[in-house]
Amino acid sequence: MVAPAKSRTDNAGKAVGTPADWTNFETLATANGEIPWSSLEVQKRNPMLPFFGNVKAFLFDSMTCVSLRPGPPPSTNSDQMKQETEEVYNYIKNPDRNQIKTVQFWADGVGTYTPPGHWDAVASEDFVKKNYSEVRWARNMALLNMALMDAGIVCWNTKYYYFNPRPTQMNPLIKTLTGIPNFPAYISGHSTFSGAAAAVLSYIVPENAEKYQAMAAEASLSRVIGGIHYRSDCSVGLEVGKNVGNYAVLRGQTDGAN
């Protein structure tokens, strides 16, 4: 009964927060001179799981989670933010067929298996070719999914620490290809998940490392092309995900399975 006991004390039950908590995020961002994130849905919805970043991780403790949180995004008043917003707008004005195909392939939105499930599918396709035993398969999937879970925790810890607006908020002319996720921009969840998955899968199936890295880069770029994220959301997200994934790799190197 270890798993049920862990789930009762992992802070997941507190991930939603309260209206006062949600207002405080906005107040802090404004006090720092930034434009705070705001829900663009009609009617406005509550932010998605703002305290998921406080859930207990599998691979490291809470202080390590904080240390994995990256530095701030470009200021919402900066020239860099204007340039990155303009880049998104330029992509979304006239996407070509291949760009639309890429966005749709990596969309993984509501009602799908989401980015972690997408990477589980990638892993499954490659693992089945390796003729792993059931035990080895389970161990590999455990490493991958611990990394994906912890990537989500660090990503959400970052999102609500900075409470950064989406490109669609900075420029209402930006119309996304897949809808607008109801949580802050920085850092990109797809990028963070993909960076973590690519790191773990490159360790497990090293001959496919180049493929996994290319897939992660494509998944990350799809969020810029789709009008959902800035370039910095994605480049930093990939790096943070890689850093999280490396903890799973270290676990794999020392778990006695090799």
C-alpha atoms as a PDB file:
ATOM      1  CA  MET A   1       0.000   0.000   0.000  1.00  0.00           C
ATOM      2  CA  VAL A   2       2.950   2.321  -0.545  1.00  0.00           C
ATOM      3  CA  ALA A   3       1.418   4.068  -3.572  1.00  0.00           C
ATOM      4  CA  PRO A   4      -1.892   5.032  -1.881  1.00  0.00           C
ATOM      5  CA  ALA A   5       0.007   6.302   1.160  1.00  0.00           C
ATOM      6  CA  LYS A   6       2.281   8.399  -1.041  1.00  0.00           C
ATOM      7  CA  SER A   7      -0.650   9.828  -2.989  1.00  0.00           C
ATOM      8  CA  ARG A   8      -2.286  11.013   0.241  1.00  0.00           C
ATOM      9  CA  THR A   9       0.760  13.089   1.160  1.00  0.00           C
ATOM     10  CA  ASP A  10       2.138  14.278  -2.198  1.00  0.00           C
ATOM     11  CA  ASN A  11       0.300  17.659  -2.184  1.00  0.00           C
ATOM     12  CA  ALA A  12      -1.646  16.858  -5.360  1.00  0.00           C
ATOM     13  CA  GLY A  13      -4.884  17.427  -3.469  1.00  0.00           C
ATOM     14  CA  LYS A  14      -3.836  21.044  -2.876  1.00  0.00           C
ATOM     15  CA  ALA A  15      -2.936  21.802  -6.494  1.00  0.00           C
ATOM     16  CA  VAL A  16      -6.061  23.821  -7.300  1.00  0.00           C
ATOM     17  CA  GLY A  17      -5.654  26.565  -4.688  1.00  0.00           C
ATOM     18  CA  THR A  18      -8.217  29.239  -3.856  1.00  0.00           C
ATOM     19  CA  PRO A  19      -9.479  32.474  -5.478  1.00  0.00           C
ATOM     20  CA  ALA A  20      -7.282  34.422  -3.075  1.00  0.00           C
ATOM     21  CA  ASP A  21      -4.257  32.443  -4.241  1.00  0.00           C
ATOM     22  CA  TRP A  22      -5.083  33.107  -7.897  1.00  0.00           C
ATOM     23  CA  THR A  23      -5.423  36.841  -7.260  1.00  0.00           C
ATOM     24  CA  ASN A  24      -2.093  36.868  -5.454  1.00  0.00           C
ATOM     25  CA  PHE A  25      -0.263  35.594  -8.545  1.00  0.00           C
ATOM     26  CA  GLU A  26      -1.586  38.578 -10.503  1.00  0.00           C
ATOM     27  CA  THR A  27      -0.778  41.006  -7.698  1.00  0.00           C
ATOM     28  CA  LEU A  28       2.832  39.835  -7.454  1.00  0.00           C
ATOM     29  CA  ALA A  29       3.419  40.027 -11.211  1.00  0.00           C
ATOM     30  CA  THR A  30       1.983  43.543 -11.342  1.00  0.00           C
ATOM     31  CA  ALA A  31       4.090  44.606  -8.364  1.00  0.00           C
ATOM     32  CA  ASN A  32       7.166  43.432 -10.282  1.00  0.00           C
ATOM     33  CA  GLY A  33       6.235  45.723 -13.169  1.00  0.00           C
ATOM     34  CA  GLU A  34       5.089  42.884 -15.447  1.00  0.00           C
ATOM     35  CA  ILE A  35       1.877  42.219 -17.343  1.00  0.00           C
ATOM     36  CA  PRO A  36       0.316  39.251 -15.543  1.00  0.00           C
ATOM     37  CA  TRP A  37      -1.176  36.269 -17.312  1.00  0.00           C
ATOM     38  CA  SER A  38      -4.941  36.330 -17.695  1.00  0.00           C
ATOM     39  CA  SER A  39      -7.384  33.705 -18.915  1.00  0.00           C
ATOM     40  CA  LEU A  40      -8.594  34.550 -22.413  1.00  0.00           C
ATOM     41  CA  GLU A  41     -11.438  32.070 -22.338  1.00  0.00           C
ATOM     42  CA  VAL A  42     -15.060  33.192 -22.460  1.00  0.00           C
ATOM     43  CA  GLN A  43     -16.160  32.911 -19.737  1.00  0.00           C
ATOM     44  CA  LYS A  44     -12.848  33.186 -17.912  1.00  0.00           C
ATOM     45  CA  ARG A  45     -11.876  29.953 -16.190  1.00  0.00           C
ATOM     46  CA  ASN A  46      -9.793  29.449 -13.106  1.00  0.00           C
ATOM     47  CA  PRO A  47      -6.094  28.768 -13.827  1.00  0.00           C
ATOM     48  CA  MET A  48      -5.228  25.114 -14.277  1.00  0.00           C
ATOM     49  CA  LEU A  49      -3.596  23.494 -11.218  1.00  0.00           C
ATOM     50  CA  PRO A  50      -1.548  26.522 -10.069  1.00  0.00           C
ATOM     51  CA  PHE A  51       0.026  24.607  -7.173  1.00  0.00           C
ATOM     52  CA  PHE A  52       0.895  21.442  -9.070  1.00  0.00           C
ATOM     53  CA  GLY A  53       4.479  22.695  -8.861  1.00  0.00           C
ATOM     54  CA  ASN A  54       4.398  21.859  -5.139  1.00  0.00           C
ATOM     55  CA  VAL A  55       3.610  18.173  -5.689  1.00  0.00           C
ATOM     56  CA  LYS A  56       6.326  15.846  -4.385  1.00  0.00           C
ATOM     57  CA  ALA A  57       8.533  14.630  -7.205  1.00  0.00           C
ATOM     58  CA  PHE A  58       9.781  11.079  -7.727  1.00  0.00           C
ATOM     59  CA  LEU A  59      13.405  11.824  -8.563  1.00  0.00           C
ATOM     60  CA  PHE A  60      14.374  14.723  -6.280  1.00  0.00           C
ATOM     61  CA  ASP A  61      13.256  16.750  -3.282  1.00  0.00           C
ATOM     62  CA  SER A  62      11.436  20.085  -3.173  1.00  0.00           C
ATOM     63  CA  MET A  63      14.628  22.145  -2.890  1.00  0.00           C
ATOM     64  CA  THR A  64      16.010  20.505  -6.025  1.00  0.00           C
ATOM     65  CA  CYS A  65      12.742  21.306  -7.777  1.00  0.00           C
ATOM     66  CA  VAL A  66      13.254  24.979  -6.952  1.00  0.00           C
ATOM     67  CA  SER A  67      16.868  24.818  -8.120  1.00  0.00           C
ATOM     68  CA  LEU A  68      15.698  23.418 -11.466  1.00  0.00           C
ATOM     69  CA  ARG A  69      13.404  26.404 -11.979  1.00  0.00           C
ATOM     70  CA  PRO A  70      15.013  28.625 -14.641  1.00  0.00           C
ATOM     71  CA  GLY A  71      15.652  32.333 -14.513  1.00  0.00           C
ATOM     72  CA  PRO A  72      12.940  34.770 -15.604  1.00  0.00           C
ATOM     73  CA  PRO A  73      11.497  35.175 -19.081  1.00  0.00           C
ATOM     74  CA  PRO A  74      12.029  38.376 -21.046  1.00  0.00           C
ATOM     75  CA  SER A  75      10.263  41.277 -19.350  1.00  0.00           C
ATOM     76  CA  THR A  76       6.838  41.957 -20.799  1.00  0.00           C
ATOM     77  CA  ASN A  77       8.025  45.531 -21.392  1.00  0.00           C
ATOM     78  CA  SER A  78      11.260  44.575 -23.146  1.00  0.00           C
ATOM     79  CA  ASP A  79      12.314  44.749 -26.774  1.00  0.00           C
ATOM     80  CA  GLN A  80      13.006  41.012 -26.670  1.00  0.00           C
ATOM     81  CA  MET A  81       9.409  40.325 -25.706  1.00  0.00           C
ATOM     82  CA  LYS A  82       8.221  42.519 -28.586  1.00  0.00           C
ATOM     83  CA  GLN A  83      10.504  40.643 -30.989  1.00  0.00           C
ATOM     84  CA  GLU A  84       9.411  37.217 -29.770  1.00  0.00           C
ATOM     85  CA  THR A  85       5.753  38.209 -29.976  1.00  0.00           C
ATOM     86  CA  GLU A  86       6.314  39.461 -33.515  1.00  0.00           C
ATOM     87  CA  GLU A  87       7.961  36.161 -34.433  1.00  0.00           C
ATOM     88  CA  VAL A  88       4.878  34.277 -33.272  1.00  0.00           C
ATOM     89  CA  TYR A  89       2.622  36.627 -35.216  1.00  0.00           C
ATOM     90  CA  ASN A  90       4.687  36.168 -38.374  1.00  0.00           C
ATOM     91  CA  TYR A  91       4.383  32.392 -38.080  1.00  0.00           C
ATOM     92  CA  ILE A  92       0.662  32.439 -37.478  1.00  0.00           C
ATOM     93  CA  LYS A  93      -0.206  34.904 -40.266  1.00  0.00           C
ATOM     94  CA  ASN A  94       0.431  32.446 -43.063  1.00  0.00           C
ATOM     95  CA  PRO A  95       1.497  28.966 -41.941  1.00  0.00           C
ATOM     96  CA  ASP A  96       2.340  26.516 -44.695  1.00  0.00           C
ATOM     97  CA  ARG A  97       1.012  22.981 -44.963  1.00  0.00           C
ATOM     98  CA  ASN A  98       4.035  21.355 -43.322  1.00  0.00           C
ATOM     99  CA  GLN A  99       3.885  23.753 -40.389  1.00  0.00           C
ATOM    100  CA  ILE A 100       0.202  23.037 -39.843  1.00  0.00           C
ATOM    101  CA  LYS A 101       0.932  19.302 -40.017  1.00  0.00           C
ATOM    102  CA  THR A 102       3.649  19.674 -37.372  1.00  0.00           C
ATOM    103  CA  VAL A 103       1.377  21.662 -35.073  1.00  0.00           C
ATOM    104  CA  GLN A 104      -1.403  19.119 -35.365  1.00  0.00           C
ATOM    105  CA  PHE A 105       0.904  16.127 -34.841  1.00  0.00           C
ATOM    106  CA  TRP A 106       2.196  17.537 -31.557  1.00  0.00           C
ATOM    107  CA  ALA A 107      -0.998  19.280 -30.395  1.00  0.00           C
ATOM    108  CA  ASP A 108      -1.844  16.669 -27.724  1.00  0.00           C
ATOM    109  CA  GLY A 109      -4.587  18.807 -26.212  1.00  0.00           C
ATOM    110  CA  VAL A 110      -7.679  18.109 -24.132  1.00  0.00           C
ATOM    111  CA  GLY A 111      -9.191  14.705 -24.815  1.00  0.00           C
ATOM    112  CA  THR A 112      -5.924  13.207 -26.089  1.00  0.00           C
ATOM    113  CA  TYR A 113      -3.185  11.228 -24.392  1.00  0.00           C
ATOM    114  CA  THR A 114      -1.372  14.590 -23.890  1.00  0.00           C
ATOM    115  CA  PRO A 115       2.402  15.098 -24.346  1.00  0.00           C
ATOM    116  CA  PRO A 116       3.432  12.441 -21.777  1.00  0.00           C
ATOM    117  CA  GLY A 117       1.191   9.899 -23.476  1.00  0.00           C
ATOM    118  CA  HIS A 118       2.611  10.859 -26.859  1.00  0.00           C
ATOM    119  CA  TRP A 119       6.121  10.109 -25.616  1.00  0.00           C
ATOM    120  CA  ASP A 120       4.926   6.841 -24.057  1.00  0.00           C
ATOM    121  CA  ALA A 121       3.674   5.878 -27.515  1.00  0.00           C
ATOM    122  CA  VAL A 122       7.023   6.782 -29.075  1.00  0.00           C
ATOM    123  CA  ALA A 123       8.790   4.692 -26.445  1.00  0.00           C
ATOM    124  CA  SER A 124       6.454   1.735 -26.911  1.00  0.00           C
ATOM    125  CA  GLU A 125       7.046   1.641 -30.657  1.00  0.00           C
ATOM    126  CA  ASP A 126      10.794   1.445 -30.114  1.00  0.00           C
ATOM    127  CA  PHE A 127      10.774  -0.818 -27.057  1.00  0.00           C
ATOM    128  CA  VAL A 128       8.745  -3.500 -28.818  1.00  0.00           C
ATOM    129  CA  LYS A 129      11.510  -3.797 -31.413  1.00  0.00           C
ATOM    130  CA  LYS A 130      14.054  -4.504 -28.657  1.00  0.00           C
ATOM    131  CA  ASN A 131      12.326  -7.651 -27.347  1.00  0.00           C
ATOM    132  CA  TYR A 132      12.627  -6.472 -23.747  1.00  0.00           C
ATOM    133  CA  SER A 133      11.357  -8.729 -20.989  1.00  0.00           C
ATOM    134  CA  GLU A 134       8.278  -7.567 -19.064  1.00  0.00           C
ATOM    135  CA  VAL A 135      10.491  -6.539 -16.154  1.00  0.00           C
ATOM    136  CA  ARG A 136      12.878  -4.542 -18.324  1.00  0.00           C
ATOM    137  CA  TRP A 137       9.951  -2.929 -20.149  1.00  0.00           C
ATOM    138  CA  ALA A 138       8.360  -1.924 -16.832  1.00  0.00           C
ATOM    139  CA  ARG A 139      11.627  -0.496 -15.541  1.00  0.00           C
ATOM    140  CA  ASN A 140      12.166   1.554 -18.698  1.00  0.00           C
ATOM    141  CA  MET A 141       8.629   2.929 -18.659  1.00  0.00           C
ATOM    142  CA  ALA A 142       9.012   3.763 -14.969  1.00  0.00           C
ATOM    143  CA  LEU A 143      12.142   5.803 -15.662  1.00  0.00           C
ATOM    144  CA  LEU A 144      10.439   7.622 -18.528  1.00  0.00           C
ATOM    145  CA  ASN A 145       7.256   8.396 -16.641  1.00  0.00           C
ATOM    146  CA  MET A 146       8.967   9.482 -13.438  1.00  0.00           C
ATOM    147  CA  ALA A 147      10.851  11.974 -15.596  1.00  0.00           C
ATOM    148  CA  LEU A 148       7.659  13.111 -17.334  1.00  0.00           C
ATOM    149  CA  MET A 149       5.850  13.560 -14.018  1.00  0.00           C
ATOM    150  CA  ASP A 150       8.703  15.519 -12.487  1.00  0.00           C
ATOM    151  CA  ALA A 151       9.091  17.596 -15.646  1.00  0.00           C
ATOM    152  CA  GLY A 152       5.465  18.627 -15.241  1.00  0.00           C
ATOM    153  CA  ILE A 153       6.053  19.558 -11.613  1.00  0.00           C
ATOM    154  CA  VAL A 154       9.064  21.758 -12.375  1.00  0.00           C
ATOM    155  CA  CYS A 155       7.300  23.270 -15.376  1.00  0.00           C
ATOM    156  CA  TRP A 156       4.210  24.204 -13.345  1.00  0.00           C
ATOM    157  CA  ASN A 157       6.392  25.505 -10.517  1.00  0.00           C
ATOM    158  CA  THR A 158       7.954  27.830 -13.094  1.00  0.00           C
ATOM    159  CA  LYS A 159       4.728  28.859 -14.797  1.00  0.00           C
ATOM    160  CA  TYR A 160       3.090  30.161 -11.667  1.00  0.00           C
ATOM    161  CA  TYR A 161       6.263  31.651 -10.228  1.00  0.00           C
ATOM    162  CA  TYR A 162       6.536  34.051 -13.185  1.00  0.00           C
ATOM    163  CA  PHE A 163       2.844  34.153 -14.293  1.00  0.00           C
ATOM    164  CA  ASN A 164       3.825  35.225 -17.784  1.00  0.00           C
ATOM    165  CA  PRO A 165       1.184  36.129 -20.421  1.00  0.00           C
ATOM    166  CA  ARG A 166       0.658  34.185 -23.635  1.00  0.00           C
ATOM    167  CA  PRO A 167       1.482  35.665 -27.060  1.00  0.00           C
ATOM    168  CA  THR A 168      -2.255  35.950 -27.729  1.00  0.00           C
ATOM    169  CA  GLN A 169      -2.531  38.266 -24.745  1.00  0.00           C
ATOM    170  CA  MET A 170       0.345  40.474 -25.876  1.00  0.00           C
ATOM    171  CA  ASN A 171      -1.018  40.674 -29.427  1.00  0.00           C
ATOM    172  CA  PRO A 172      -4.746  39.921 -29.919  1.00  0.00           C
ATOM    173  CA  LEU A 173      -4.146  39.526 -33.663  1.00  0.00           C
ATOM    174  CA  ILE A 174      -2.423  36.198 -32.924  1.00  0.00           C
ATOM    175  CA  LYS A 175      -4.940  33.399 -33.452  1.00  0.00           C
ATOM    176  CA  THR A 176      -3.600  30.015 -32.418  1.00  0.00           C
ATOM    177  CA  LEU A 177      -3.940  26.864 -34.509  1.00  0.00           C
ATOM    178  CA  THR A 178      -4.926  24.688 -31.540  1.00  0.00           C
ATOM    179  CA  GLY A 179      -6.606  26.875 -28.917  1.00  0.00           C
ATOM    180  CA  ILE A 180      -5.133  28.670 -25.903  1.00  0.00           C
ATOM    181  CA  PRO A 181      -4.140  26.622 -22.830  1.00  0.00           C
ATOM    182  CA  ASN A 182      -5.574  28.076 -19.632  1.00  0.00           C
ATOM    183  CA  PHE A 183      -2.326  28.639 -17.745  1.00  0.00           C
ATOM    184  CA  PRO A 184       0.725  30.922 -18.041  1.00  0.00           C
ATOM    185  CA  ALA A 185       3.228  30.711 -20.867  1.00  0.00           C
ATOM    186  CA  TYR A 186       6.731  30.434 -19.432  1.00  0.00           C
ATOM    187  CA  ILE A 187       7.961  27.711 -19.698  1.00  0.00           C
ATOM    188  CA  SER A 188       6.437  25.517 -22.406  1.00  0.00           C
ATOM    189  CA  GLY A 189       5.002  22.286 -21.047  1.00  0.00           C
ATOM    190  CA  HIS A 190       5.379  20.461 -24.371  1.00  0.00           C
ATOM    191  CA  SER A 191       9.037  21.512 -24.494  1.00  0.00           C
ATOM    192  CA  THR A 192       9.735  20.496 -20.913  1.00  0.00           C
ATOM    193  CA  PHE A 193       8.072  17.105 -21.299  1.00  0.00           C
ATOM    194  CA  SER A 194       9.856  16.540 -24.603  1.00  0.00           C
ATOM    195  CA  GLY A 195      13.274  17.524 -23.283  1.00  0.00           C
ATOM    196  CA  ALA A 196      12.865  15.102 -20.382  1.00  0.00           C
ATOM    197  CA  ALA A 197      11.601  12.262 -22.578  1.00  0.00           C
ATOM    198  CA  ALA A 198      14.379  12.699 -25.131  1.00  0.00           C
ATOM    199  CA  ALA A 199      17.021  12.573 -22.384  1.00  0.00           C
ATOM    200  CA  VAL A 200      15.645   9.348 -20.878  1.00  0.00           C
ATOM    201  CA  LEU A 201      14.972   7.595 -24.182  1.00  0.00           C
ATOM    202  CA  SER A 202      18.419   8.549 -25.481  1.00  0.00           C
ATOM    203  CA  TYR A 203      19.851   6.727 -22.463  1.00  0.00           C
ATOM    204  CA  ILE A 204      17.649   3.655 -22.875  1.00  0.00           C
ATOM    205  CA  VAL A 205      17.975   3.350 -26.678  1.00  0.00           C
ATOM    206  CA  PRO A 206      21.179   5.291 -27.434  1.00  0.00           C
ATOM    207  CA  GLU A 207      21.232   4.368 -31.113  1.00  0.00           C
ATOM    208  CA  ASN A 208      18.048   6.456 -31.499  1.00  0.00           C
ATOM    209  CA  ALA A 209      19.316   9.466 -29.556  1.00  0.00           C
ATOM    210  CA  GLU A 210      19.522  11.714 -32.607  1.00  0.00           C
ATOM    211  CA  LYS A 211      15.941  10.866 -33.535  1.00  0.00           C
ATOM    212  CA  TYR A 212      14.636  11.627 -30.043  1.00  0.00           C
ATOM    213  CA  GLN A 213      16.431  14.960 -29.903  1.00  0.00           C
ATOM    214  CA  ALA A 214      15.020  15.925 -33.302  1.00  0.00           C
ATOM    215  CA  MET A 215      11.513  14.950 -32.218  1.00  0.00           C
ATOM    216  CA  ALA A 216      11.817  16.992 -29.037  1.00  0.00           C
ATOM    217  CA  ALA A 217      12.995  20.012 -31.012  1.00  0.00           C
ATOM    218  CA  GLU A 218      10.082  19.622 -33.436  1.00  0.00           C
ATOM    219  CA  ALA A 219       7.541  19.272 -30.613  1.00  0.00           C
ATOM    220  CA  SER A 220       8.959  22.406 -29.014  1.00  0.00           C
ATOM    221  CA  LEU A 221       8.947  24.468 -32.212  1.00  0.00           C
ATOM    222  CA  SER A 222       5.368  23.396 -32.929  1.00  0.00           C
ATOM    223  CA  ARG A 223       4.216  25.551 -30.017  1.00  0.00           C
ATOM    224  CA  VAL A 224       5.788  28.670 -31.521  1.00  0.00           C
ATOM    225  CA  ILE A 225       4.415  27.909 -34.989  1.00  0.00           C
ATOM    226  CA  GLY A 226       0.994  27.258 -33.457  1.00  0.00           C
ATOM    227  CA  GLY A 227       0.898  30.684 -31.795  1.00  0.00           C
ATOM    228  CA  ILE A 228       0.869  29.315 -28.262  1.00  0.00           C
ATOM    229  CA  HIS A 229       4.398  30.059 -27.007  1.00  0.00           C
ATOM    230  CA  TYR A 230       7.313  32.428 -27.430  1.00  0.00           C
ATOM    231  CA  ARG A 231      10.697  31.173 -28.580  1.00  0.00           C
ATOM    232  CA  SER A 232      12.185  31.566 -25.074  1.00  0.00           C
ATOM    233  CA  ASP A 233       9.372  29.505 -23.508  1.00  0.00           C
ATOM    234  CA  CYS A 234      10.397  26.630 -25.716  1.00  0.00           C
ATOM    235  CA  SER A 235      14.193  26.841 -25.729  1.00  0.00           C
ATOM    236  CA  VAL A 236      14.303  27.149 -21.946  1.00  0.00           C
ATOM    237  CA  GLY A 237      11.658  24.450 -21.545  1.00  0.00           C
ATOM    238  CA  LEU A 238      13.739  21.983 -23.543  1.00  0.00           C
ATOM    239  CA  GLU A 239      16.769  22.652 -21.361  1.00  0.00           C
ATOM    240  CA  VAL A 240      14.813  22.349 -18.116  1.00  0.00           C
ATOM    241  CA  GLY A 241      13.273  19.100 -19.341  1.00  0.00           C
ATOM    242  CA  LYS A 242      16.698  17.736 -20.210  1.00  0.00           C
ATOM    243  CA  ASN A 243      17.931  18.604 -16.709  1.00  0.00           C
ATOM    244  CA  VAL A 244      14.977  16.770 -15.165  1.00  0.00           C
ATOM    245  CA  GLY A 245      15.456  13.786 -17.469  1.00  0.00           C
ATOM    246  CA  ASN A 246      19.077  13.513 -16.410  1.00  0.00           C
ATOM    247  CA  TYR A 247      17.917  12.680 -12.887  1.00  0.00           C
ATOM    248  CA  ALA A 248      16.063   9.673 -14.307  1.00  0.00           C
ATOM    249  CA  VAL A 249      19.146   8.717 -16.276  1.00  0.00           C
ATOM    250  CA  LEU A 250      21.204   8.831 -13.074  1.00  0.00           C
ATOM    251  CA  ARG A 251      18.585   6.639 -11.388  1.00  0.00           C
ATOM    252  CA  GLY A 252      18.831   4.179 -14.271  1.00  0.00           C
ATOM    253  CA  GLN A 253      22.624   4.118 -14.124  1.00  0.00           C
ATOM    254  CA  THR A 254      22.564   3.214 -10.443  1.00  0.00           C
ATOM    255  CA  ASP A 255      19.469   0.981 -10.119  1.00  0.00           C
ATOM    256  CA  GLY A 256      21.358  -2.270 -10.689  1.00  0.00           C
ATOM    257  CA  ALA A 257      19.556  -3.124 -13.928  1.00  0.00           C
ATOM    258  CA  ASN A 258      22.599  -2.665 -16.162  1.00  0.00           C
END
